[in-house]
Amino acid sequence: MTRYHFHAADGSHFRDEDGEELVGLEEAKAVALNVLTEMLHDKSDEFWREKSFVVSVKDETGRLVACLTTIAVVDPVAQPDVPPEV
């Protein structure tokens, strides 16, 4: 079993100091997906303001083994009262 750490960024940063003992990378990827899904569910309003959420998975040596990034894009035409970002 390997200990994996799930670090999250959603406008602020959460560093997983404890980690979780898992069978392998496939299980760690599934946990990362669950973490990202929970972030999107719990902070959906923030997601549209922050524009991206990231979950990084590191093994017990600190090596990055997986990373999930989701990005929000809104067409400025759909929001005529908001000036486009340059």
PDB file of N, CA and C in Angstrom:
ATOM      1  N   MET A   1       0.850  -1.179   0.000  1.00  0.00           N
ATOM      2  CA  MET A   1       0.000   0.000   0.000  1.00  0.00           C
ATOM      3  C   MET A   1       0.895   1.241   0.000  1.00  0.00           C
ATOM      4  N   THR A   2       0.397   2.263  -0.636  1.00  0.00           N
ATOM      5  CA  THR A   2       1.126   3.522  -0.750  1.00  0.00           C
ATOM      6  C   THR A   2       0.280   4.639  -0.166  1.00  0.00           C
ATOM      7  N   ARG A   3       0.929   5.584   0.488  1.00  0.00           N
ATOM      8  CA  ARG A   3       0.220   6.757   1.012  1.00  0.00           C
ATOM      9  C   ARG A   3       0.222   7.833  -0.070  1.00  0.00           C
ATOM     10  N   TYR A   4      -0.976   8.325  -0.371  1.00  0.00           N
ATOM     11  CA  TYR A   4      -1.151   9.395  -1.350  1.00  0.00           C
ATOM     12  C   TYR A   4      -1.702  10.632  -0.655  1.00  0.00           C
ATOM     13  N   HIS A   5      -1.263  11.794  -1.122  1.00  0.00           N
ATOM     14  CA  HIS A   5      -1.705  13.076  -0.578  1.00  0.00           C
ATOM     15  C   HIS A   5      -2.461  13.817  -1.671  1.00  0.00           C
ATOM     16  N   PHE A   6      -3.601  14.403  -1.298  1.00  0.00           N
ATOM     17  CA  PHE A   6      -4.483  15.077  -2.244  1.00  0.00           C
ATOM     18  C   PHE A   6      -4.511  16.568  -1.913  1.00  0.00           C
ATOM     19  N   HIS A   7      -3.754  17.347  -2.667  1.00  0.00           N
ATOM     20  CA  HIS A   7      -3.668  18.791  -2.451  1.00  0.00           C
ATOM     21  C   HIS A   7      -4.676  19.467  -3.379  1.00  0.00           C
ATOM     22  N   ALA A   8      -5.388  20.464  -2.854  1.00  0.00           N
ATOM     23  CA  ALA A   8      -6.440  21.119  -3.625  1.00  0.00           C
ATOM     24  C   ALA A   8      -6.202  22.619  -3.717  1.00  0.00           C
ATOM     25  N   ALA A   9      -6.557  23.176  -4.860  1.00  0.00           N
ATOM     26  CA  ALA A   9      -6.500  24.628  -5.060  1.00  0.00           C
ATOM     27  C   ALA A   9      -7.819  25.065  -5.684  1.00  0.00           C
ATOM     28  N   ASP A  10      -8.460  26.022  -5.025  1.00  0.00           N
ATOM     29  CA  ASP A  10      -9.758  26.525  -5.499  1.00  0.00           C
ATOM     30  C   ASP A  10      -9.872  28.023  -5.230  1.00  0.00           C
ATOM     31  N   GLY A  11      -8.779  28.713  -5.411  1.00  0.00           N
ATOM     32  CA  GLY A  11      -8.700  30.116  -5.017  1.00  0.00           C
ATOM     33  C   GLY A  11      -7.918  30.240  -3.724  1.00  0.00           C
ATOM     34  N   SER A  12      -7.992  29.204  -2.908  1.00  0.00           N
ATOM     35  CA  SER A  12      -7.122  29.045  -1.744  1.00  0.00           C
ATOM     36  C   SER A  12      -6.460  27.679  -1.912  1.00  0.00           C
ATOM     37  N   HIS A  13      -5.524  27.379  -1.045  1.00  0.00           N
ATOM     38  CA  HIS A  13      -4.803  26.111  -1.184  1.00  0.00           C
ATOM     39  C   HIS A  13      -4.994  25.255   0.059  1.00  0.00           C
ATOM     40  N   PHE A  14      -5.238  23.963  -0.157  1.00  0.00           N
ATOM     41  CA  PHE A  14      -5.325  22.994   0.930  1.00  0.00           C
ATOM     42  C   PHE A  14      -4.235  21.961   0.710  1.00  0.00           C
ATOM     43  N   ARG A  15      -3.392  21.810   1.699  1.00  0.00           N
ATOM     44  CA  ARG A  15      -2.305  20.836   1.634  1.00  0.00           C
ATOM     45  C   ARG A  15      -2.666  19.655   2.529  1.00  0.00           C
ATOM     46  N   ASP A  16      -2.784  18.479   1.948  1.00  0.00           N
ATOM     47  CA  ASP A  16      -3.141  17.255   2.663  1.00  0.00           C
ATOM     48  C   ASP A  16      -1.890  16.685   3.329  1.00  0.00           C
ATOM     49  N   GLU A  17      -1.709  16.999   4.586  1.00  0.00           N
ATOM     50  CA  GLU A  17      -0.519  16.542   5.322  1.00  0.00           C
ATOM     51  C   GLU A  17      -0.616  15.069   5.718  1.00  0.00           C
ATOM     52  N   ASP A  18      -1.830  14.572   5.950  1.00  0.00           N
ATOM     53  CA  ASP A  18      -2.004  13.199   6.435  1.00  0.00           C
ATOM     54  C   ASP A  18      -1.976  12.164   5.320  1.00  0.00           C
ATOM     55  N   GLY A  19      -2.634  12.459   4.220  1.00  0.00           N
ATOM     56  CA  GLY A  19      -2.693  11.503   3.127  1.00  0.00           C
ATOM     57  C   GLY A  19      -3.599  10.332   3.441  1.00  0.00           C
ATOM     58  N   GLU A  20      -3.593   9.373   2.525  1.00  0.00           N
ATOM     59  CA  GLU A  20      -4.460   8.212   2.641  1.00  0.00           C
ATOM     60  C   GLU A  20      -3.734   6.996   2.075  1.00  0.00           C
ATOM     61  N   GLU A  21      -3.753   5.896   2.812  1.00  0.00           N
ATOM     62  CA  GLU A  21      -3.145   4.640   2.341  1.00  0.00           C
ATOM     63  C   GLU A  21      -4.079   3.994   1.328  1.00  0.00           C
ATOM     64  N   LEU A  22      -3.571   3.785   0.112  1.00  0.00           N
ATOM     65  CA  LEU A  22      -4.387   3.203  -0.945  1.00  0.00           C
ATOM     66  C   LEU A  22      -3.619   2.085  -1.641  1.00  0.00           C
ATOM     67  N   VAL A  23      -4.354   1.238  -2.350  1.00  0.00           N
ATOM     68  CA  VAL A  23      -3.769   0.082  -3.025  1.00  0.00           C
ATOM     69  C   VAL A  23      -2.816   0.502  -4.136  1.00  0.00           C
ATOM     70  N   GLY A  24      -3.184   1.533  -4.893  1.00  0.00           N
ATOM     71  CA  GLY A  24      -2.329   1.945  -6.002  1.00  0.00           C
ATOM     72  C   GLY A  24      -2.844   3.197  -6.672  1.00  0.00           C
ATOM     73  N   LEU A  25      -2.238   3.519  -7.799  1.00  0.00           N
ATOM     74  CA  LEU A  25      -2.536   4.755  -8.509  1.00  0.00           C
ATOM     75  C   LEU A  25      -3.981   4.817  -8.995  1.00  0.00           C
ATOM     76  N   GLU A  26      -4.532   3.718  -9.454  1.00  0.00           N
ATOM     77  CA  GLU A  26      -5.920   3.734  -9.943  1.00  0.00           C
ATOM     78  C   GLU A  26      -6.877   4.155  -8.835  1.00  0.00           C
ATOM     79  N   GLU A  27      -6.661   3.638  -7.643  1.00  0.00           N
ATOM     80  CA  GLU A  27      -7.511   4.025  -6.513  1.00  0.00           C
ATOM     81  C   GLU A  27      -7.281   5.496  -6.157  1.00  0.00           C
ATOM     82  N   ALA A  28      -6.045   5.952  -6.224  1.00  0.00           N
ATOM     83  CA  ALA A  28      -5.731   7.358  -5.936  1.00  0.00           C
ATOM     84  C   ALA A  28      -6.401   8.276  -6.955  1.00  0.00           C
ATOM     85  N   LYS A  29      -6.426   7.880  -8.212  1.00  0.00           N
ATOM     86  CA  LYS A  29      -7.087   8.689  -9.240  1.00  0.00           C
ATOM     87  C   LYS A  29      -8.586   8.773  -8.974  1.00  0.00           C
ATOM     88  N   ALA A  30      -9.182   7.682  -8.519  1.00  0.00           N
ATOM     89  CA  ALA A  30     -10.615   7.689  -8.197  1.00  0.00           C
ATOM     90  C   ALA A  30     -10.899   8.623  -7.022  1.00  0.00           C
ATOM     91  N   VAL A  31     -10.034   8.603  -6.013  1.00  0.00           N
ATOM     92  CA  VAL A  31     -10.199   9.503  -4.867  1.00  0.00           C
ATOM     93  C   VAL A  31     -10.053  10.952  -5.321  1.00  0.00           C
ATOM     94  N   ALA A  32      -9.079  11.237  -6.165  1.00  0.00           N
ATOM     95  CA  ALA A  32      -8.877  12.599  -6.673  1.00  0.00           C
ATOM     96  C   ALA A  32     -10.120  13.087  -7.410  1.00  0.00           C
ATOM     97  N   LEU A  33     -10.721  12.227  -8.196  1.00  0.00           N
ATOM     98  CA  LEU A  33     -11.936  12.592  -8.914  1.00  0.00           C
ATOM     99  C   LEU A  33     -13.071  12.892  -7.938  1.00  0.00           C
ATOM    100  N   ASN A  34     -13.171  12.100  -6.874  1.00  0.00           N
ATOM    101  CA  ASN A  34     -14.189  12.361  -5.846  1.00  0.00           C
ATOM    102  C   ASN A  34     -13.942  13.693  -5.149  1.00  0.00           C
ATOM    103  N   VAL A  35     -12.682  13.999  -4.852  1.00  0.00           N
ATOM    104  CA  VAL A  35     -12.340  15.275  -4.208  1.00  0.00           C
ATOM    105  C   VAL A  35     -12.750  16.430  -5.111  1.00  0.00           C
ATOM    106  N   LEU A  36     -12.415  16.348  -6.389  1.00  0.00           N
ATOM    107  CA  LEU A  36     -12.763  17.415  -7.324  1.00  0.00           C
ATOM    108  C   LEU A  36     -14.280  17.554  -7.454  1.00  0.00           C
ATOM    109  N   THR A  37     -14.983  16.438  -7.518  1.00  0.00           N
ATOM    110  CA  THR A  37     -16.447  16.462  -7.610  1.00  0.00           C
ATOM    111  C   THR A  37     -17.050  17.147  -6.393  1.00  0.00           C
ATOM    112  N   GLU A  38     -16.542  16.834  -5.196  1.00  0.00           N
ATOM    113  CA  GLU A  38     -17.025  17.481  -3.972  1.00  0.00           C
ATOM    114  C   GLU A  38     -16.739  18.978  -3.995  1.00  0.00           C
ATOM    115  N   MET A  39     -15.558  19.360  -4.469  1.00  0.00           N
ATOM    116  CA  MET A  39     -15.219  20.784  -4.561  1.00  0.00           C
ATOM    117  C   MET A  39     -16.207  21.506  -5.475  1.00  0.00           C
ATOM    118  N   LEU A  40     -16.489  20.925  -6.628  1.00  0.00           N
ATOM    119  CA  LEU A  40     -17.416  21.548  -7.572  1.00  0.00           C
ATOM    120  C   LEU A  40     -18.818  21.644  -6.979  1.00  0.00           C
ATOM    121  N   HIS A  41     -19.227  20.623  -6.265  1.00  0.00           N
ATOM    122  CA  HIS A  41     -20.554  20.623  -5.648  1.00  0.00           C
ATOM    123  C   HIS A  41     -20.644  21.653  -4.530  1.00  0.00           C
ATOM    124  N   ASP A  42     -19.647  21.658  -3.661  1.00  0.00           N
ATOM    125  CA  ASP A  42     -19.686  22.522  -2.475  1.00  0.00           C
ATOM    126  C   ASP A  42     -19.378  23.983  -2.777  1.00  0.00           C
ATOM    127  N   LYS A  43     -18.638  24.244  -3.833  1.00  0.00           N
ATOM    128  CA  LYS A  43     -18.176  25.607  -4.116  1.00  0.00           C
ATOM    129  C   LYS A  43     -18.480  26.025  -5.549  1.00  0.00           C
ATOM    130  N   SER A  44     -19.656  25.666  -6.045  1.00  0.00           N
ATOM    131  CA  SER A  44     -19.964  25.946  -7.453  1.00  0.00           C
ATOM    132  C   SER A  44     -19.941  27.437  -7.768  1.00  0.00           C
ATOM    133  N   ASP A  45     -20.430  28.281  -6.865  1.00  0.00           N
ATOM    134  CA  ASP A  45     -20.389  29.733  -7.118  1.00  0.00           C
ATOM    135  C   ASP A  45     -18.954  30.232  -7.210  1.00  0.00           C
ATOM    136  N   GLU A  46     -18.102  29.761  -6.300  1.00  0.00           N
ATOM    137  CA  GLU A  46     -16.693  30.159  -6.307  1.00  0.00           C
ATOM    138  C   GLU A  46     -15.992  29.692  -7.579  1.00  0.00           C
ATOM    139  N   PHE A  47     -16.367  28.529  -8.067  1.00  0.00           N
ATOM    140  CA  PHE A  47     -15.736  27.980  -9.267  1.00  0.00           C
ATOM    141  C   PHE A  47     -15.852  28.946 -10.441  1.00  0.00           C
ATOM    142  N   TRP A  48     -17.026  29.521 -10.630  1.00  0.00           N
ATOM    143  CA  TRP A  48     -17.222  30.434 -11.757  1.00  0.00           C
ATOM    144  C   TRP A  48     -16.443  31.728 -11.582  1.00  0.00           C
ATOM    145  N   ARG A  49     -16.161  32.122 -10.346  1.00  0.00           N
ATOM    146  CA  ARG A  49     -15.344  33.321 -10.105  1.00  0.00           C
ATOM    147  C   ARG A  49     -13.857  33.010 -10.216  1.00  0.00           C
ATOM    148  N   GLU A  50     -13.430  31.895  -9.650  1.00  0.00           N
ATOM    149  CA  GLU A  50     -12.005  31.546  -9.614  1.00  0.00           C
ATOM    150  C   GLU A  50     -11.507  31.019 -10.955  1.00  0.00           C
ATOM    151  N   LYS A  51     -12.391  30.457 -11.736  1.00  0.00           N
ATOM    152  CA  LYS A  51     -12.110  29.961 -13.090  1.00  0.00           C
ATOM    153  C   LYS A  51     -11.448  28.588 -13.167  1.00  0.00           C
ATOM    154  N   SER A  52     -10.869  28.091 -12.080  1.00  0.00           N
ATOM    155  CA  SER A  52     -10.303  26.737 -12.143  1.00  0.00           C
ATOM    156  C   SER A  52     -10.168  26.140 -10.748  1.00  0.00           C
ATOM    157  N   PHE A  53     -10.296  24.834 -10.699  1.00  0.00           N
ATOM    158  CA  PHE A  53     -10.033  24.052  -9.494  1.00  0.00           C
ATOM    159  C   PHE A  53      -8.998  22.999  -9.879  1.00  0.00           C
ATOM    160  N   VAL A  54      -8.090  22.696  -8.958  1.00  0.00           N
ATOM    161  CA  VAL A  54      -7.028  21.724  -9.221  1.00  0.00           C
ATOM    162  C   VAL A  54      -6.913  20.772  -8.035  1.00  0.00           C
ATOM    163  N   VAL A  55      -6.759  19.490  -8.321  1.00  0.00           N
ATOM    164  CA  VAL A  55      -6.426  18.489  -7.307  1.00  0.00           C
ATOM    165  C   VAL A  55      -5.143  17.805  -7.770  1.00  0.00           C
ATOM    166  N   SER A  56      -4.098  17.927  -6.969  1.00  0.00           N
ATOM    167  CA  SER A  56      -2.812  17.291  -7.259  1.00  0.00           C
ATOM    168  C   SER A  56      -2.646  16.093  -6.344  1.00  0.00           C
ATOM    169  N   VAL A  57      -2.178  14.996  -6.908  1.00  0.00           N
ATOM    170  CA  VAL A  57      -1.956  13.774  -6.135  1.00  0.00           C
ATOM    171  C   VAL A  57      -0.459  13.515  -6.080  1.00  0.00           C
ATOM    172  N   LYS A  58       0.061  13.410  -4.861  1.00  0.00           N
ATOM    173  CA  LYS A  58       1.483  13.101  -4.679  1.00  0.00           C
ATOM    174  C   LYS A  58       1.610  11.814  -3.877  1.00  0.00           C
ATOM    175  N   ASP A  59       2.642  11.044  -4.211  1.00  0.00           N
ATOM    176  CA  ASP A  59       2.876   9.819  -3.448  1.00  0.00           C
ATOM    177  C   ASP A  59       3.667  10.148  -2.183  1.00  0.00           C
ATOM    178  N   GLU A  60       4.005   9.124  -1.433  1.00  0.00           N
ATOM    179  CA  GLU A  60       4.657   9.340  -0.134  1.00  0.00           C
ATOM    180  C   GLU A  60       6.058   9.934  -0.252  1.00  0.00           C
ATOM    181  N   THR A  61       6.638   9.901  -1.448  1.00  0.00           N
ATOM    182  CA  THR A  61       7.953  10.519  -1.648  1.00  0.00           C
ATOM    183  C   THR A  61       7.832  11.990  -2.053  1.00  0.00           C
ATOM    184  N   GLY A  62       6.580  12.449  -2.282  1.00  0.00           N
ATOM    185  CA  GLY A  62       6.361  13.824  -2.707  1.00  0.00           C
ATOM    186  C   GLY A  62       6.314  13.996  -4.212  1.00  0.00           C
ATOM    187  N   ARG A  63       6.397  12.884  -4.930  1.00  0.00           N
ATOM    188  CA  ARG A  63       6.367  12.934  -6.398  1.00  0.00           C
ATOM    189  C   ARG A  63       4.930  13.114  -6.890  1.00  0.00           C
ATOM    190  N   LEU A  64       4.727  14.054  -7.811  1.00  0.00           N
ATOM    191  CA  LEU A  64       3.421  14.262  -8.424  1.00  0.00           C
ATOM    192  C   LEU A  64       3.109  13.070  -9.324  1.00  0.00           C
ATOM    193  N   VAL A  65       2.004  12.373  -9.038  1.00  0.00           N
ATOM    194  CA  VAL A  65       1.650  11.189  -9.821  1.00  0.00           C
ATOM    195  C   VAL A  65       0.387  11.397 -10.649  1.00  0.00           C
ATOM    196  N   ALA A  66      -0.415  12.405 -10.296  1.00  0.00           N
ATOM    197  CA  ALA A  66      -1.624  12.704 -11.067  1.00  0.00           C
ATOM    198  C   ALA A  66      -2.089  14.115 -10.728  1.00  0.00           C
ATOM    199  N   CYS A  67      -2.793  14.708 -11.670  1.00  0.00           N
ATOM    200  CA  CYS A  67      -3.316  16.052 -11.450  1.00  0.00           C
ATOM    201  C   CYS A  67      -4.609  16.206 -12.239  1.00  0.00           C
ATOM    202  N   LEU A  68      -5.637  16.707 -11.575  1.00  0.00           N
ATOM    203  CA  LEU A  68      -6.906  17.008 -12.236  1.00  0.00           C
ATOM    204  C   LEU A  68      -7.097  18.514 -12.230  1.00  0.00           C
ATOM    205  N   THR A  69      -7.436  19.068 -13.371  1.00  0.00           N
ATOM    206  CA  THR A  69      -7.725  20.500 -13.468  1.00  0.00           C
ATOM    207  C   THR A  69      -9.033  20.665 -14.218  1.00  0.00           C
ATOM    208  N   THR A  70      -9.911  21.474 -13.686  1.00  0.00           N
ATOM    209  CA  THR A  70     -11.138  21.807 -14.393  1.00  0.00           C
ATOM    210  C   THR A  70     -11.207  23.323 -14.519  1.00  0.00           C
ATOM    211  N   ILE A  71     -11.612  23.783 -15.682  1.00  0.00           N
ATOM    212  CA  ILE A  71     -11.571  25.211 -16.001  1.00  0.00           C
ATOM    213  C   ILE A  71     -12.962  25.689 -16.406  1.00  0.00           C
ATOM    214  N   ALA A  72     -13.343  26.861 -15.898  1.00  0.00           N
ATOM    215  CA  ALA A  72     -14.620  27.480 -16.262  1.00  0.00           C
ATOM    216  C   ALA A  72     -14.383  28.523 -17.343  1.00  0.00           C
ATOM    217  N   VAL A  73     -15.177  28.452 -18.389  1.00  0.00           N
ATOM    218  CA  VAL A  73     -15.114  29.443 -19.461  1.00  0.00           C
ATOM    219  C   VAL A  73     -16.544  29.881 -19.760  1.00  0.00           C
ATOM    220  N   VAL A  74     -16.770  31.183 -19.704  1.00  0.00           N
ATOM    221  CA  VAL A  74     -18.082  31.734 -20.028  1.00  0.00           C
ATOM    222  C   VAL A  74     -17.903  32.689 -21.201  1.00  0.00           C
ATOM    223  N   ASP A  75     -18.691  32.497 -22.224  1.00  0.00           N
ATOM    224  CA  ASP A  75     -18.646  33.371 -23.397  1.00  0.00           C
ATOM    225  C   ASP A  75     -19.076  34.778 -22.988  1.00  0.00           C
ATOM    226  N   PRO A  76     -18.232  35.794 -23.223  1.00  0.00           N
ATOM    227  CA  PRO A  76     -18.586  37.159 -22.828  1.00  0.00           C
ATOM    228  C   PRO A  76     -19.874  37.652 -23.485  1.00  0.00           C
ATOM    229  N   VAL A  77     -20.225  37.121 -24.648  1.00  0.00           N
ATOM    230  CA  VAL A  77     -21.470  37.511 -25.307  1.00  0.00           C
ATOM    231  C   VAL A  77     -22.668  37.077 -24.461  1.00  0.00           C
ATOM    232  N   ALA A  78     -22.505  35.972 -23.733  1.00  0.00           N
ATOM    233  CA  ALA A  78     -23.578  35.477 -22.873  1.00  0.00           C
ATOM    234  C   ALA A  78     -23.761  36.356 -21.647  1.00  0.00           C
ATOM    235  N   GLN A  79     -22.772  37.187 -21.343  1.00  0.00           N
ATOM    236  CA  GLN A  79     -22.827  38.098 -20.200  1.00  0.00           C
ATOM    237  C   GLN A  79     -22.488  39.508 -20.684  1.00  0.00           C
ATOM    238  N   PRO A  80     -23.409  40.175 -21.353  1.00  0.00           N
ATOM    239  CA  PRO A  80     -23.091  41.475 -21.944  1.00  0.00           C
ATOM    240  C   PRO A  80     -22.722  42.548 -20.928  1.00  0.00           C
ATOM    241  N   ASP A  81     -23.106  42.399 -19.674  1.00  0.00           N
ATOM    242  CA  ASP A  81     -22.790  43.406 -18.659  1.00  0.00           C
ATOM    243  C   ASP A  81     -21.406  43.223 -18.051  1.00  0.00           C
ATOM    244  N   VAL A  82     -20.701  42.169 -18.440  1.00  0.00           N
ATOM    245  CA  VAL A  82     -19.369  41.897 -17.905  1.00  0.00           C
ATOM    246  C   VAL A  82     -18.345  42.149 -19.007  1.00  0.00           C
ATOM    247  N   PRO A  83     -17.385  43.066 -18.787  1.00  0.00           N
ATOM    248  CA  PRO A  83     -16.378  43.312 -19.822  1.00  0.00           C
ATOM    249  C   PRO A  83     -15.488  42.090 -20.011  1.00  0.00           C
ATOM    250  N   PRO A  84     -15.100  41.788 -21.247  1.00  0.00           N
ATOM    251  CA  PRO A  84     -14.229  40.623 -21.489  1.00  0.00           C
ATOM    252  C   PRO A  84     -12.860  40.830 -20.866  1.00  0.00           C
ATOM    253  N   GLU A  85     -12.272  39.720 -20.407  1.00  0.00           N
ATOM    254  CA  GLU A  85     -10.920  39.767 -19.848  1.00  0.00           C
ATOM    255  C   GLU A  85      -9.919  39.836 -20.990  1.00  0.00           C
ATOM    256  N   VAL A  86      -8.867  40.577 -20.774  1.00  0.00           N
ATOM    257  CA  VAL A  86      -7.838  40.716 -21.809  1.00  0.00           C
ATOM    258  C   VAL A  86      -6.620  39.939 -21.405  1.00  0.00           C
TER     259      VAL A  86
END
